[in-house]
C-alpha cells in the first residue's frame, strides 16, 4: 500500500523526518541535561557542605575558647589548683563557671571535677551544685588528649543531687583536662554540655528536609546530628557509613545503590586535635533527576504539539500534492476507455497544472488529427501507438529484473538471483548519464559483467583482481574497462581450454600515471596481427567501423578525447599465451585539471 501510493510515502517520509531527529534530540538533551544537572548539583552542594563545615568548625572553636577561660582567669585557675578548700575558692569557681556558661548561648551546663580534692561542681539553671562528700563522683575519661568531644547524648546531672534538673536534652560535651603547663600535673577536668541548637540551625540550611538527608558523624559512626532525632547518639552500621569511613580524601562524593537508598553522598571531614567529625549529605536519585525529567516532559509536550501540527500539515501537503495527480490519472483512465473528449480539471500554476495543460494540449491535437486524417492514417497512428506501448523502458526492465531476482530468492535459487542482480547492475550502469565515474564504479561494472560470463563458461575461467584501494576514487571515463575484457571473450577465449585465468590489475605508477592492465591466457594473436593493431591505434581513425578489435580502437579514441596525448594504450603478448592490454592515463581528465 505504501509502496504504490505517493500520498502514503509523503506521510511516512515527513513523519520520519520529524520524529527521528526530534526524538534523538530529546534523548540526547535528557542524558546531557541529566549529566550536567548531576555535576552542577554535586558542585553546588560541595560548596554548601564546605561552608557548613566552616560554620560548625567556627562554632566548636568558640566552645573550645570558652573552655580555655579556666586558664585565662587566674583567680579561677588558682581556686582549681588549690582544690577549692575554702569559701573564697568556691566563690571564684561559681563566678568562673557562670562566666563560661554565659559566654556561649548554646552551653547547657558546665561541670568541674577537682582530682586533688575529689570535689565536683555543676553549674546549671543559674546555680552551682556541689558534690564534696565521699560519694562517687563523675570523672570524664579524657585520655592522653587534653581535649575530647563526647558525641551527642542526653544531658544528665553528673551525679550531683539536691536540685530539680531540667528535662534531658540532646547535647554533645567538650571535656578538657586541667593541667599545670610546667609540671604537667592534672588538677581535674572541665566538661561543657552544648545543646544542638546552633548545629541544628546550621545543618537545616544545608539540605531540603523530607527530600534529602544530612548527617554529622564522628569517626566511629556515632550520630552527632541527623534528620531523625531517634538516631542521635546511635552508632550507624549501614554499609554507606562503613564505606565512608574507608575513604582517605578530606572531601568528595560517591554513589550508593541499595534497597534503602540510591543516590549521591557528598562529604566533608572536620579534623582537629580534639574531634574528628564527618559532615555528609545524601541526595537521592529522584531529586537529582527531577530537573532532567521536567525538561524531558516539556520537550515531550512540545513534541506532541509539534507532531499534531506536522500530521495536519502532512495530510494537507499530501492531499494538495496528490489530488491533481489523482485527477489526471482519472482523466487518463477515461481516455483509455475511448472518451477522447474527457475534461482535464487541474487548476493552479505549479508543475502539476503545467503537466495537465500540456496533456490537455496534446489531447486536443490528437483529436484534431483524428478528425482531419483518413481512416488509414488513423490506423497507422494506432499501430504506431501500439508499437510505442510495446517498447520496454530500460527503467521498467531494471525494476522487472529486481522483481524476478526477489522471486528467485523466494524459490531458493540464490545463483539465479545473483546473475539477475549482475545483469541489473549492468543495465543501471549503462543507463547512468555520467561520462566520468570513479574507478571503483567502473571496476564494479566489470565484475558484474564477468560474473555473467563465468556462469556461461562454468568453471573454465578464473578472474584475479589486483587493484589498489588508493586509486578507487580516481575519476575515469565511463566504459573503458569492459571493452578490454569483452575483447578477450570475442577474440581470445578458447572454449576448448580446461581452465584460463583473466587478471585485472590497477595501480598508481611511479610517474604519477594510473595504470590499468587486463591480462589473459587466451589464444593470443600473431606478431603480424599485433603490429597491425598497434598501427591502427596510432592512426587516429575518424569513424568507427564494424570490424575486428573495434572495442580497443573505440576506447583509445575516447581516451584521446579526455586526455589528449597523455593517454597511452600498450598491447603486448602474454607469455606463454594470451594478450596483455595496459592503459596509462592521468589521474584527472584534461578538462578537469
Protein backbone atom coordinates (compact mmCIF):
# COMPACT_ATOMS: atom_id res chain seq x y z
CA UNK A 1 0.00 0.00 0.00
CA UNK A 2 2.76 2.44 0.96
CA UNK A 3 4.96 1.38 -1.96
CA UNK A 4 2.26 2.23 -4.54
CA UNK A 5 0.94 5.46 -3.00
CA UNK A 6 2.74 8.79 -3.24
CA UNK A 7 0.45 10.17 -0.57
CA UNK A 8 1.41 7.46 1.92
CA UNK A 9 5.08 7.86 1.03
CA UNK A 10 4.87 11.59 1.73
CA UNK A 11 3.18 10.98 5.07
CA UNK A 12 5.74 8.35 6.14
CA UNK A 13 8.67 10.46 4.97
CA UNK A 14 7.53 13.66 6.66
CA UNK A 15 6.69 11.88 9.89
CA UNK A 16 10.03 10.05 9.91
CA UNK A 17 11.91 13.26 9.07
CA UNK A 18 10.24 14.89 12.07
CA UNK A 19 10.05 12.14 14.68
CA UNK A 20 13.53 10.64 14.27
CA UNK A 21 15.62 13.84 14.68
CA UNK A 22 13.29 15.28 17.31
CA UNK A 23 13.26 12.06 19.35
CA UNK A 24 17.03 11.83 19.05
CA UNK A 25 17.31 15.43 20.21
CA UNK A 26 15.08 14.72 23.21
CA UNK A 27 17.11 11.65 24.20
CA UNK A 28 20.41 13.50 23.86
CA UNK A 29 19.00 16.51 25.71
CA UNK A 30 17.81 14.29 28.55
CA UNK A 31 21.12 12.49 29.04
CA UNK A 32 23.22 15.64 28.64
CA UNK A 33 20.91 17.60 30.94
CA UNK A 34 20.92 14.77 33.46
CA UNK A 35 24.72 14.67 33.45
CA UNK A 36 25.05 18.46 33.72
CA UNK A 37 22.41 18.67 36.46
CA UNK A 38 24.19 16.00 38.50
CA UNK A 39 27.56 17.68 38.01
CA UNK A 40 26.16 21.10 38.91
CA UNK A 41 24.29 19.67 41.91
CA UNK A 42 27.42 17.98 43.21
CA UNK A 43 29.46 21.18 42.73
CA UNK A 44 26.84 23.40 44.38
CA UNK A 45 26.28 21.05 47.31
CA UNK A 46 30.02 20.52 47.79
CA UNK A 47 30.42 24.28 48.21
CA UNK A 48 27.40 24.35 50.51
CA UNK A 49 28.71 21.49 52.64
CA UNK A 50 32.12 23.15 52.82
CA UNK A 51 30.50 26.35 54.07
CA UNK A 52 28.53 24.33 56.62
CA UNK A 53 31.72 22.65 57.76
CA UNK A 54 33.35 26.06 58.21
CA UNK A 55 30.44 27.37 60.29
CA UNK A 56 30.32 24.27 62.52
CA UNK A 57 34.10 24.37 62.99
CA UNK A 58 33.88 28.03 63.99
CA UNK A 59 31.13 27.17 66.46
CA UNK A 60 33.24 24.40 68.02
CA UNK A 61 36.21 26.76 68.20
CA UNK A 62 34.09 29.22 70.17
CA UNK A 63 33.18 26.43 72.61
CA UNK A 64 36.83 25.46 72.89
CA UNK A 65 37.82 29.07 73.55
CA UNK A 66 35.21 29.23 76.29
CA UNK A 67 36.79 26.16 77.92
CA UNK A 68 40.20 27.88 77.87
CA UNK A 69 38.91 30.66 80.11
CA UNK A 70 39.76 28.43 83.08
CA UNK A 71 43.41 29.16 82.23
CA UNK A 72 42.87 32.78 81.29
CA UNK A 73 41.10 33.61 84.57
CA UNK A 74 43.95 33.50 87.08
CA UNK A 75 41.62 33.66 90.11
CA UNK A 76 39.59 30.71 88.83
CA UNK A 77 42.74 28.78 87.93
CA UNK A 78 44.14 29.43 91.45
CA UNK A 79 40.94 28.12 93.06
CA UNK A 80 41.11 24.98 90.90
CA UNK A 81 44.78 24.49 91.74
CA UNK A 82 44.04 24.84 95.50
CA UNK A 83 41.25 22.27 95.25
CA UNK A 84 38.53 24.76 96.44
CA UNK A 85 39.50 24.31 100.07
CA UNK A 86 37.73 27.45 101.36
CA UNK A 87 34.66 29.52 100.65
CA UNK A 88 36.68 32.11 98.70
CA UNK A 89 37.80 29.46 96.23
CA UNK A 90 34.23 28.22 95.94
CA UNK A 91 33.11 31.76 95.12
CA UNK A 92 35.70 32.04 92.38
CA UNK A 93 34.58 28.71 90.97
CA UNK A 94 30.94 29.88 90.95
CA UNK A 95 31.87 33.10 89.22
CA UNK A 96 34.19 31.43 86.68
CA UNK A 97 31.76 28.64 85.75
CA UNK A 98 28.95 31.16 85.43
CA UNK A 99 31.11 33.15 83.03
CA UNK A 100 31.82 30.03 80.98
CA UNK A 101 28.14 29.09 80.71
CA UNK A 102 27.06 32.62 79.90
CA UNK A 103 29.80 33.12 77.28
CA UNK A 104 28.02 31.00 74.66
CA UNK A 105 24.25 30.82 74.35
CA UNK A 106 24.23 27.14 73.36
CA UNK A 107 26.11 25.97 76.51
CA UNK A 108 23.57 24.00 78.52
CA UNK A 109 25.63 23.50 81.69
CA UNK A 110 29.24 23.12 82.88
CA UNK A 111 30.75 20.53 85.21
CA UNK A 112 34.07 20.83 87.06
CA UNK A 113 35.83 17.91 88.74
CA UNK A 114 38.86 18.58 91.02
CA UNK A 115 41.05 15.49 91.28
CA UNK A 116 43.38 16.72 94.05
CA UNK A 117 40.43 17.28 96.46
CA UNK A 118 37.91 14.81 94.93
CA UNK A 119 35.25 17.53 94.67
CA UNK A 120 32.86 18.30 91.78
CA UNK A 121 30.79 21.37 90.90
CA UNK A 122 27.90 21.60 88.39
CA UNK A 123 26.64 24.97 87.15
CA UNK A 124 23.11 24.54 85.80
CA UNK A 125 19.97 26.66 85.76
CA UNK A 126 21.97 29.63 87.03
CA UNK A 127 23.04 27.81 90.23
CA UNK A 128 26.11 25.97 91.43
CA UNK A 129 25.62 22.44 92.75
CA UNK A 130 28.37 20.72 94.70
CA UNK A 131 29.33 17.15 95.44
CA UNK A 132 32.02 17.46 98.10
CA UNK A 133 31.25 14.35 100.10
CA UNK A 134 32.81 10.96 99.94
CA UNK A 135 30.22 9.69 97.48
CA UNK A 136 31.10 8.71 93.91
CA UNK A 137 31.99 11.47 91.51
CA UNK A 138 31.61 11.64 87.74
CA UNK A 139 35.12 11.51 86.27
CA UNK A 140 35.30 12.10 82.49
CA UNK A 141 37.68 9.91 80.50
CA UNK A 142 39.85 12.39 78.64
CA UNK A 143 42.72 10.04 77.86
CA UNK A 144 46.04 11.26 76.52
CA UNK A 145 44.50 14.22 74.73
CA UNK A 146 43.84 17.31 76.81
CA UNK A 147 40.52 17.87 74.99
CA UNK A 148 37.91 15.44 73.63
CA UNK A 149 34.38 15.77 72.27
CA UNK A 150 31.83 13.29 73.51
CA UNK A 151 29.22 12.51 70.81
CA UNK A 152 25.60 13.51 71.18
CA UNK A 153 23.86 12.10 74.26
CA UNK A 154 21.14 13.10 76.71
CA UNK A 155 22.17 15.63 79.34
CA UNK A 156 22.43 14.43 82.97
CA UNK A 157 23.27 15.72 86.47
CA UNK A 158 26.85 14.43 86.66
CA UNK A 159 25.92 12.57 89.92
CA UNK A 160 25.04 15.88 91.57
CA UNK A 161 21.89 15.93 93.70
CA UNK A 162 19.80 18.35 95.70
CA UNK A 163 18.06 20.14 92.84
CA UNK A 164 15.34 19.57 90.28
CA UNK A 165 17.12 19.12 86.92
CA UNK A 166 15.70 20.32 83.65
CA UNK A 167 14.39 17.66 81.23
CA UNK A 168 17.20 15.87 79.48
CA UNK A 169 18.00 17.22 76.02
CA UNK A 170 20.46 16.03 73.35
CA UNK A 171 23.87 17.61 73.89
CA UNK A 172 27.45 16.99 72.94
CA UNK A 173 30.12 17.54 75.57
CA UNK A 174 33.59 19.05 75.44
CA UNK A 175 35.84 17.53 78.11
CA UNK A 176 39.06 19.41 78.91
CA UNK A 177 41.81 18.23 81.19
CA UNK A 178 43.07 20.98 83.56
CA UNK A 179 46.84 20.62 83.77
CA UNK A 180 49.79 22.63 85.06
CA UNK A 181 51.70 23.64 81.96
CA UNK A 182 55.05 23.42 83.79
CA UNK A 183 54.71 20.33 85.97
CA UNK A 184 52.09 18.65 83.73
CA UNK A 185 50.19 17.76 86.90
CA UNK A 186 46.48 17.26 86.30
CA UNK A 187 44.18 19.19 88.67
CA UNK A 188 40.89 17.96 87.24
CA UNK A 189 38.57 18.17 84.25
CA UNK A 190 36.09 20.66 82.87
CA UNK A 191 33.03 19.37 81.00
CA UNK A 192 30.83 21.69 78.95
CA UNK A 193 27.46 20.44 77.68
CA UNK A 194 26.39 22.15 74.44
CA UNK A 195 22.89 21.79 73.05
CA UNK A 196 22.34 21.20 69.35
CA UNK A 197 20.54 24.46 68.60
CA UNK A 198 23.42 26.01 66.67
CA UNK A 199 24.37 22.73 64.97
CA UNK A 200 20.73 22.18 64.02
CA UNK A 201 20.40 25.74 62.72
CA UNK A 202 23.46 25.36 60.52
CA UNK A 203 22.51 21.87 59.34
CA UNK A 204 18.94 22.80 58.38
CA UNK A 205 20.32 25.34 55.93
CA UNK A 206 22.35 22.66 54.16
CA UNK A 207 19.62 20.29 52.97
CA UNK A 208 15.98 20.12 51.95
CA UNK A 209 14.12 18.32 54.71
CA UNK A 210 11.89 15.49 53.59
CA UNK A 211 13.77 15.06 50.31
CA UNK A 212 17.44 14.98 51.34
CA UNK A 213 19.33 13.75 54.41
CA UNK A 214 22.19 15.32 56.33
CA UNK A 215 24.29 13.60 58.98
CA UNK A 216 27.13 14.68 61.25
CA UNK A 217 29.04 11.59 62.37
CA UNK A 218 32.13 11.07 64.44
CA UNK A 219 34.94 8.74 63.36
CA UNK A 220 33.20 5.77 64.93
CA UNK A 221 29.93 6.35 63.08
CA UNK A 222 28.04 7.81 66.04
CA UNK A 223 25.36 10.29 65.01
CA UNK A 224 26.08 13.82 66.24
CA UNK A 225 23.21 15.19 64.17
CA UNK A 226 20.75 13.50 61.86
CA UNK A 227 17.34 14.01 60.26
CA UNK A 228 15.79 11.51 62.70
CA UNK A 229 16.04 12.57 66.39
CA UNK A 230 15.84 8.91 67.38
CA UNK A 231 19.25 8.32 65.78
CA UNK A 232 21.09 10.94 67.87
CA UNK A 233 23.87 9.26 69.82
CA UNK A 234 23.35 5.97 67.97
CA UNK A 235 26.13 4.24 66.06
CA UNK A 236 25.17 3.55 62.45
CA UNK A 237 26.20 0.20 60.99
CA UNK A 238 24.92 0.89 57.48
CA UNK A 239 27.07 -0.03 54.50
CA UNK A 240 27.43 3.54 53.27
CA UNK A 241 28.83 4.59 56.68
CA UNK A 242 31.48 1.87 56.57
CA UNK A 243 32.36 2.84 53.01
CA UNK A 244 32.64 6.49 54.08
CA UNK A 245 34.98 5.57 56.93
CA UNK A 246 37.31 3.84 54.48
CA UNK A 247 37.75 6.92 52.29
CA UNK A 248 41.01 8.82 52.77
CA UNK A 249 40.14 12.05 51.00
CA UNK A 250 39.18 15.00 53.21
CA UNK A 251 36.20 15.72 50.94
CA UNK A 252 34.46 14.25 47.93
CA UNK A 253 31.41 12.33 46.79
CA UNK A 254 30.38 8.80 45.90
CA UNK A 255 27.35 6.98 44.55
CA UNK A 256 25.47 4.41 46.58
CA UNK A 257 22.85 1.96 45.33
CA UNK A 258 20.97 -0.20 47.79
CA UNK A 259 17.40 -1.15 48.55
CA UNK A 260 17.28 1.54 51.23
CA UNK A 261 18.87 4.40 49.28
CA UNK A 262 20.03 5.14 45.73
CA UNK A 263 21.82 8.41 45.18
CA UNK A 264 24.88 10.60 45.79
CA UNK A 265 26.77 11.17 49.05
CA UNK A 266 28.74 14.42 49.42
CA UNK A 267 31.02 14.66 52.45
CA UNK A 268 33.48 16.96 54.25
CA UNK A 269 35.77 15.91 57.12
CA UNK A 270 36.17 18.25 60.09
CA UNK A 271 39.52 17.30 61.58
CA UNK A 272 41.02 18.99 64.63
CA UNK A 273 43.15 17.90 67.59
CA UNK A 274 40.05 17.31 69.72
CA UNK A 275 37.46 15.96 67.30
CA UNK A 276 37.10 14.04 64.01
CA UNK A 277 33.65 14.63 62.59
CA UNK A 278 32.25 13.99 59.11
CA UNK A 279 29.55 16.13 57.53
CA UNK A 280 27.73 14.09 54.86
CA UNK A 281 24.74 14.94 52.69
CA UNK A 282 22.66 12.27 50.96
CA UNK A 283 20.83 13.27 47.77
CA UNK A 284 18.53 10.62 46.24
CA UNK A 285 18.50 9.97 42.51
CA UNK A 286 14.85 11.00 42.30
CA UNK A 287 15.78 14.52 43.33
CA UNK A 288 18.90 14.60 41.13
CA UNK A 289 16.96 13.56 38.06
CA UNK A 290 13.85 15.65 38.71
CA UNK A 291 15.12 18.66 36.73
CA UNK A 292 16.13 16.49 33.78
CA UNK A 293 12.73 14.80 33.86
CA UNK A 294 10.98 18.16 33.91
CA UNK A 295 12.90 19.27 30.82
CA UNK A 296 12.13 15.95 29.13
CA UNK A 297 8.43 16.29 29.95
CA UNK A 298 8.43 19.80 28.49
CA UNK A 299 10.14 18.51 25.35
CA UNK A 300 7.62 15.68 25.10
CA UNK A 301 4.75 18.14 25.32
CA UNK A 302 6.40 20.24 22.61
CA UNK A 303 6.90 17.09 20.52
CA UNK A 304 3.25 16.08 20.86
CA UNK A 305 2.07 19.57 19.94
CA UNK A 306 4.54 19.73 17.09
CA UNK A 307 3.53 16.28 15.88
CA UNK A 308 -0.13 17.31 15.76
CA UNK A 309 0.87 20.28 13.60
CA UNK A 310 3.13 18.09 11.44
CA UNK A 311 0.48 15.42 10.95
CA UNK A 312 -2.04 18.07 9.93
CA UNK A 313 0.48 19.72 7.62
CA UNK A 314 1.46 16.33 6.22
CA UNK A 315 -2.13 15.46 5.38
CA UNK A 316 -2.72 18.87 3.78
CA UNK A 317 0.52 18.72 1.78
CA UNK A 318 -0.01 15.13 0.68
CA UNK A 319 -3.60 15.80 -0.38
CA UNK A 320 -2.62 19.03 -2.14
CA UNK A 321 0.21 17.29 -4.00
CA UNK A 322 -1.61 14.11 -4.89
CA UNK A 323 -5.08 15.42 -5.73
CA UNK A 324 -4.00 16.84 -9.15
CA UNK A 325 -2.24 13.56 -9.91
CA UNK A 326 -5.33 11.56 -8.99
CA UNK A 327 -7.46 13.80 -11.20
CA UNK A 328 -5.02 13.42 -14.06
CA UNK A 329 -4.96 9.63 -13.60
CA UNK A 330 -8.76 9.61 -13.60
CA UNK A 331 -8.82 11.58 -16.85
CA UNK A 332 -6.27 9.24 -18.42
CA UNK A 333 -8.46 6.32 -17.37
CA UNK A 334 -11.41 7.85 -19.17
CA UNK A 335 -9.27 8.40 -22.28
CA UNK A 336 -8.18 4.75 -22.15
CA UNK A 337 -11.83 3.73 -22.32
CA UNK A 338 -12.21 5.72 -25.55
CA UNK A 339 -13.53 9.05 -24.26
CA UNK A 340 -11.12 11.30 -26.12
CA UNK A 341 -13.01 14.44 -25.05
CA UNK A 342 -12.63 13.91 -21.27
CA UNK A 343 -12.11 17.22 -19.45
CA UNK A 344 -8.83 17.62 -17.52
CA UNK A 345 -9.77 19.67 -14.44
CA UNK A 346 -6.45 20.64 -12.78
CA UNK A 347 -6.13 24.26 -11.69
CA UNK A 348 -3.14 26.22 -10.46
CA UNK A 349 0.23 27.31 -11.80
CA UNK A 350 2.55 24.64 -10.39
CA UNK A 351 4.21 21.73 -12.19
CA UNK A 352 1.09 19.57 -11.94
CA UNK A 353 -1.02 22.26 -13.60
CA UNK A 354 1.62 22.65 -16.34
CA UNK A 355 1.64 18.89 -16.87
CA UNK A 356 -2.16 18.82 -17.08
CA UNK A 357 -2.11 21.75 -19.51
CA UNK A 358 0.44 20.06 -21.75
CA UNK A 359 -1.56 16.85 -21.64
CA UNK A 360 -4.75 18.77 -22.48
CA UNK A 361 -2.98 20.38 -25.46
CA UNK A 362 -1.71 17.03 -26.59
CA UNK A 363 -5.21 15.52 -26.44
CA UNK A 364 -6.66 18.44 -28.37
CA UNK A 365 -4.03 17.98 -31.06
CA UNK A 366 -4.71 14.27 -31.25
CA UNK A 367 -8.43 14.92 -31.59
CA UNK A 368 -7.78 17.41 -34.41
CA UNK A 369 -5.55 14.89 -36.18
CA UNK A 370 -8.21 12.20 -35.85
CA UNK A 371 -10.78 14.49 -37.37
CA UNK A 372 -8.53 15.60 -40.30
CA UNK A 373 -6.77 12.43 -41.31
CA UNK A 374 -8.11 9.49 -43.27
CA UNK A 375 -9.06 6.24 -41.67
CA UNK A 376 -5.83 4.71 -42.94
CA UNK A 377 -3.78 7.36 -41.27
CA UNK A 378 -5.75 6.77 -38.08
CA UNK A 379 -4.95 3.07 -38.34
CA UNK A 380 -1.26 3.84 -38.87
CA UNK A 381 -1.22 6.07 -35.81
CA UNK A 382 -2.90 3.32 -33.83
CA UNK A 383 -0.27 0.82 -34.95
CA UNK A 384 2.50 3.27 -34.10
CA UNK A 385 0.97 3.82 -30.67
CA UNK A 386 0.84 0.09 -30.08
CA UNK A 387 4.45 -0.20 -31.16
CA UNK A 388 5.44 2.52 -28.73
CA UNK A 389 3.46 0.81 -25.98
CA UNK A 390 5.29 -2.44 -26.73
CA UNK A 391 8.68 -0.88 -26.15
CA UNK A 392 10.22 -1.71 -22.82
CA UNK A 393 11.53 1.21 -20.86
CA UNK A 394 15.03 0.46 -19.51
CA UNK A 395 13.97 1.53 -16.02
CA UNK A 396 10.93 -0.77 -16.24
CA UNK A 397 13.17 -3.63 -17.35
CA UNK A 398 15.58 -2.92 -14.47
CA UNK A 399 12.74 -2.96 -11.95
CA UNK A 400 11.38 -6.14 -13.51
CA UNK A 401 14.77 -7.82 -13.13
CA UNK A 402 14.80 -6.84 -9.47
CA UNK A 403 11.34 -8.41 -9.04
CA UNK A 404 12.46 -11.60 -10.80
CA UNK A 405 15.54 -11.73 -8.55
CA UNK A 406 13.37 -11.44 -5.46
CA UNK A 407 11.16 -14.25 -6.77
CA UNK A 408 14.31 -16.36 -7.29
CA UNK A 409 15.29 -15.91 -3.66
CA UNK A 410 11.78 -16.88 -2.57
CA UNK A 411 12.20 -20.12 -4.55
CA UNK A 412 15.64 -20.87 -3.07
CA UNK A 413 17.59 -20.03 -6.22
CA UNK A 414 20.33 -17.71 -4.95
CA UNK A 415 22.54 -18.27 -8.01
CA UNK A 416 19.74 -17.11 -10.29
CA UNK A 417 19.26 -14.08 -8.06
CA UNK A 418 23.00 -13.34 -8.21
CA UNK A 419 23.04 -13.47 -12.02
CA UNK A 420 19.93 -11.33 -12.34
CA UNK A 421 21.44 -8.82 -9.92
CA UNK A 422 24.60 -8.69 -12.03
CA UNK A 423 22.55 -8.08 -15.17
CA UNK A 424 20.57 -5.38 -13.36
CA UNK A 425 23.82 -3.71 -12.32
CA UNK A 426 24.96 -3.71 -15.95
CA UNK A 427 21.70 -2.07 -17.04
CA UNK A 428 21.74 0.51 -14.28
CA UNK A 429 25.32 1.40 -15.07
CA UNK A 430 24.59 1.73 -18.78
CA UNK A 431 21.54 3.94 -18.04
CA UNK A 432 23.67 6.27 -15.97
CA UNK A 433 24.21 9.51 -17.91
CA UNK A 434 27.55 10.29 -16.28
CA UNK A 435 30.51 10.30 -18.64
CA UNK A 436 33.14 10.26 -15.90
CA UNK A 437 32.85 7.88 -12.93
CA UNK A 438 35.10 6.76 -10.04
CA UNK A 439 37.30 3.80 -10.95
CA UNK A 440 35.53 1.78 -8.24
CA UNK A 441 32.26 2.07 -10.22
CA UNK A 442 33.97 1.00 -13.45
CA UNK A 443 35.54 -2.00 -11.70
CA UNK A 444 32.21 -2.95 -10.09
CA UNK A 445 30.56 -2.85 -13.52
CA UNK A 446 33.19 -5.21 -14.97
CA UNK A 447 32.79 -7.58 -12.02
CA UNK A 448 29.06 -7.82 -12.73
CA UNK A 449 29.79 -8.48 -16.43
CA UNK A 450 32.35 -11.17 -15.58
CA UNK A 451 30.00 -12.84 -13.17
CA UNK A 452 27.60 -13.45 -16.06
CA UNK A 453 30.42 -14.68 -18.31
CA UNK A 454 31.78 -17.02 -15.63
CA UNK A 455 28.34 -18.58 -15.29
CA UNK A 456 28.25 -19.04 -19.06
CA UNK A 457 31.63 -20.78 -19.20
CA UNK A 458 31.16 -22.62 -15.88
CA UNK A 459 34.49 -23.48 -14.28
CA UNK A 460 36.77 -22.75 -17.23
CA UNK A 461 37.55 -19.17 -16.22
CA UNK A 462 39.28 -17.73 -13.15
CA UNK A 463 39.40 -13.97 -12.60
CA UNK A 464 42.02 -12.25 -10.41
CA UNK A 465 41.59 -8.64 -9.24
CA UNK A 466 44.70 -6.73 -8.20
CA UNK A 467 43.50 -3.16 -7.73
CA UNK A 468 44.96 -0.83 -5.08
CA UNK A 469 42.38 0.72 -2.74
CA UNK A 470 44.14 4.09 -3.01
CA UNK A 471 43.03 4.58 -6.62
CA UNK A 472 39.36 3.64 -6.27
CA UNK A 473 38.26 7.28 -6.03
CA UNK A 474 40.15 8.44 -9.15
CA UNK A 475 37.71 9.53 -11.93
CA UNK A 476 37.97 7.74 -15.26
CA UNK A 477 35.89 7.85 -18.49
CA UNK A 478 32.93 5.52 -18.34
CA UNK A 479 33.06 2.14 -20.16
CA UNK A 480 36.81 1.93 -20.81
CA UNK A 481 37.39 -1.32 -18.94
CA UNK A 482 34.57 -3.58 -20.18
CA UNK A 483 35.57 -3.33 -23.89
CA UNK A 484 39.03 -4.62 -22.95
CA UNK A 485 37.52 -7.60 -21.14
CA UNK A 486 34.86 -8.17 -23.79
CA UNK A 487 37.57 -8.17 -26.46
CA UNK A 488 39.10 -11.18 -24.70
CA UNK A 489 35.86 -13.17 -24.93
CA UNK A 490 35.36 -12.21 -28.60
CA UNK A 491 38.90 -12.93 -29.82
CA UNK A 492 41.00 -14.66 -27.18
CA UNK A 493 38.89 -17.08 -25.12
CA UNK A 494 39.47 -20.71 -26.01
CA UNK A 495 36.41 -22.80 -25.13
CA UNK A 496 38.43 -25.96 -25.63
CA UNK A 497 40.76 -24.99 -22.79
CA UNK A 498 40.24 -26.67 -19.43
CA UNK A 499 40.97 -23.51 -17.46
CA UNK A 500 42.02 -19.96 -18.24
CA UNK A 501 42.91 -17.01 -15.99
CA UNK A 502 41.99 -13.39 -16.56
CA UNK A 503 43.80 -10.76 -14.46
CA UNK A 504 42.55 -7.21 -13.97
CA UNK A 505 45.09 -5.01 -12.18
CA UNK A 506 45.26 -1.30 -11.42
CA UNK A 507 47.78 0.82 -9.60
CA UNK A 508 49.37 4.26 -9.45
CA UNK A 509 52.67 4.28 -11.31
CA UNK A 510 55.89 5.91 -10.16
CA UNK A 511 55.41 8.68 -12.75
CA UNK A 512 52.01 9.60 -11.28
CA UNK A 513 50.01 7.96 -14.08
CA UNK A 514 47.28 5.44 -13.37
CA UNK A 515 47.99 2.02 -14.90
CA UNK A 516 45.12 -0.35 -15.75
CA UNK A 517 46.15 -3.81 -17.01
CA UNK A 518 43.94 -6.58 -18.48
CA UNK A 519 45.92 -9.78 -18.99
CA UNK A 520 44.51 -13.08 -20.33
CA UNK A 521 45.81 -16.55 -21.08
CA UNK A 522 43.76 -16.98 -24.25
CA UNK A 523 44.71 -17.84 -27.80
CA UNK A 524 46.57 -14.57 -28.23
CA UNK A 525 47.48 -13.16 -31.63
CA UNK A 526 50.27 -13.44 -34.13
CA UNK A 527 53.07 -10.89 -34.24
CA UNK A 528 51.79 -9.62 -37.60
CA UNK A 529 48.27 -9.10 -36.23
CA UNK A 530 49.71 -7.36 -33.18
CA UNK A 531 51.72 -4.92 -35.33
CA UNK A 532 48.67 -4.12 -37.49
CA UNK A 533 46.60 -3.42 -34.40
CA UNK A 534 49.26 -1.12 -32.97
CA UNK A 535 49.39 0.86 -36.25
CA UNK A 536 45.62 1.21 -36.31
CA UNK A 537 45.64 2.51 -32.73
CA UNK A 538 48.19 5.16 -33.71
CA UNK A 539 46.30 6.13 -36.90
CA UNK A 540 43.53 8.01 -35.02
CA UNK A 541 40.56 6.74 -37.13
CA UNK A 542 37.83 9.30 -37.73
CA UNK A 543 34.92 6.89 -37.96
CA UNK A 544 34.14 3.69 -36.14
CA UNK A 545 33.94 0.61 -38.33
CA UNK A 546 32.32 -2.73 -37.55
CA UNK A 547 35.43 -4.82 -37.69
CA UNK A 548 37.85 -6.74 -35.54
CA UNK A 549 39.22 -5.10 -32.36
CA UNK A 550 36.89 -2.13 -32.79
CA UNK A 551 36.46 -2.09 -28.98
CA UNK A 552 40.12 -1.30 -28.37
CA UNK A 553 40.14 1.42 -31.05
CA UNK A 554 36.97 2.96 -29.63
CA UNK A 555 38.46 3.02 -26.11
CA UNK A 556 41.67 4.64 -27.37
CA UNK A 557 39.73 7.26 -29.32
CA UNK A 558 37.72 8.21 -26.22
CA UNK A 559 40.84 8.35 -24.06
CA UNK A 560 42.39 10.81 -26.52
CA UNK A 561 39.28 12.98 -26.23
CA UNK A 562 39.66 13.13 -22.45
CA UNK A 563 43.43 13.14 -22.01
CA UNK A 564 44.77 14.11 -25.47
CA UNK A 565 48.29 12.73 -25.99
CA UNK A 566 48.82 11.97 -22.30
CA UNK A 567 46.84 8.71 -22.58
CA UNK A 568 48.55 5.55 -23.78
CA UNK A 569 47.42 2.01 -24.68
CA UNK A 570 50.08 -0.69 -24.72
CA UNK A 571 49.27 -4.10 -26.28
CA UNK A 572 51.73 -6.96 -25.96
CA UNK A 573 51.97 -10.74 -25.89
CA UNK A 574 51.45 -12.55 -22.59
CA UNK A 575 53.85 -15.43 -22.09
CA UNK A 576 53.25 -18.30 -22.69
CA UNK A 577 49.90 -17.38 -24.30
CA UNK A 578 47.40 -14.60 -24.32
CA UNK A 579 47.43 -10.82 -24.59
CA UNK A 580 48.16 -8.01 -22.13
CA UNK A 581 46.47 -4.63 -22.64
CA UNK A 582 47.71 -1.77 -20.44
CA UNK A 583 46.15 1.70 -20.17
CA UNK A 584 48.22 4.57 -18.78
CA UNK A 585 46.17 7.68 -18.06
CA UNK A 586 46.50 10.79 -15.87
CA UNK A 587 44.61 10.85 -12.56
CA UNK A 588 42.45 13.75 -13.82
CA UNK A 589 40.96 14.38 -17.28
CA UNK A 590 42.45 17.27 -19.24
CA UNK A 591 39.26 19.26 -18.85
CA UNK A 592 39.24 18.86 -15.06
CA UNK A 593 42.88 19.61 -14.38
